Protein backbone atom coordinates (compact mmCIF):
# COMPACT_ATOMS: atom_id res chain seq x y z
CA UNK A 1 -134.44 45.73 -168.89
CA UNK A 2 -134.94 49.17 -169.68
CA UNK A 3 -137.01 51.40 -168.06
CA UNK A 4 -140.97 51.71 -168.85
CA UNK A 5 -142.10 55.12 -171.12
CA UNK A 6 -144.48 57.35 -170.21
CA UNK A 7 -145.99 56.89 -173.38
CA UNK A 8 -147.38 53.32 -172.72
CA UNK A 9 -148.76 54.51 -169.53
CA UNK A 10 -150.83 57.79 -171.25
CA UNK A 11 -152.26 55.27 -173.93
CA UNK A 12 -153.95 53.41 -171.13
CA UNK A 13 -157.50 53.89 -170.09
CA UNK A 14 -158.89 55.61 -166.54
CA UNK A 15 -159.90 52.42 -165.84
CA UNK A 16 -156.94 50.59 -166.57
CA UNK A 17 -154.41 53.37 -165.03
CA UNK A 18 -156.08 52.43 -161.91
CA UNK A 19 -155.61 48.96 -161.77
CA UNK A 20 -152.35 49.33 -162.82
CA UNK A 21 -151.43 51.68 -160.32
CA UNK A 22 -152.78 49.06 -157.99
CA UNK A 23 -150.68 46.35 -158.93
CA UNK A 24 -147.73 48.07 -159.10
CA UNK A 25 -148.43 49.20 -155.60
CA UNK A 26 -148.75 45.26 -154.40
CA UNK A 27 -144.95 45.00 -156.97
CA UNK A 28 -143.76 47.03 -154.59
CA UNK A 29 -145.36 45.25 -151.22
CA UNK A 30 -144.45 42.17 -152.52
CA UNK A 31 -140.40 43.57 -153.34
CA UNK A 32 -140.46 45.02 -149.11
CA UNK A 33 -141.35 41.07 -148.59
CA UNK A 34 -138.96 39.36 -150.18
CA UNK A 35 -136.37 41.82 -149.01
CA UNK A 36 -137.47 41.39 -145.30
CA UNK A 37 -136.46 37.85 -146.08
CA UNK A 38 -133.80 37.74 -147.61
CA UNK A 39 -135.68 36.14 -150.70
CA UNK A 40 -134.74 38.77 -153.20
CA UNK A 41 -132.71 38.51 -156.05
CA UNK A 42 -133.09 41.58 -158.13
CA UNK A 43 -133.27 44.62 -156.00
CA UNK A 44 -132.91 46.62 -159.02
CA UNK A 45 -137.20 46.05 -159.06
CA UNK A 46 -137.28 48.34 -156.84
CA UNK A 47 -136.12 51.31 -159.33
CA UNK A 48 -137.80 50.29 -162.68
CA UNK A 49 -141.23 49.44 -159.65
CA UNK A 50 -140.75 53.80 -158.11
CA UNK A 51 -140.33 54.48 -161.79
CA UNK A 52 -143.30 52.70 -162.88
CA UNK A 53 -145.76 54.17 -159.87
CA UNK A 54 -144.54 57.30 -160.18
CA UNK A 55 -145.40 57.44 -164.01
CA UNK A 56 -148.38 55.79 -163.72
CA UNK A 57 -149.74 58.50 -161.17
CA UNK A 58 -148.45 61.71 -162.55
CA UNK A 59 -150.68 60.55 -165.62
CA UNK A 60 -153.07 60.27 -163.88
CA UNK A 61 -152.33 64.13 -162.34
CA UNK A 62 -152.12 65.19 -165.14
CA UNK A 63 -156.31 63.23 -166.34
CA UNK A 64 -157.65 65.15 -162.93
CA UNK A 65 -155.84 68.77 -162.99
CA UNK A 66 -157.24 68.46 -166.87
CA UNK A 67 -161.34 67.27 -165.93
CA UNK A 68 -161.17 69.92 -163.47
CA UNK A 69 -160.06 72.93 -165.66
CA UNK A 70 -161.98 72.06 -168.59
CA UNK A 71 -165.29 71.77 -165.72
CA UNK A 72 -164.19 75.54 -164.29
CA UNK A 73 -164.12 76.78 -167.62
CA UNK A 74 -167.34 75.46 -168.81
CA UNK A 75 -169.01 77.60 -165.87
């Protein structure tokens, strides 16, 4: 399974982006729980989930910076 592309994250709406962030954080929690109870079958999923979370948080940060920059320019 290849790593997800950041272009996919940029296509999401703000609401869907925040929902996706929560979902990935929940997935990471579940993976940590499975690792602690020795039920984790695919340890590479940590890398994929952390990578996806970083992409989503980056896109969210870009949008916040762009919005704050626009509001400062309007003043």
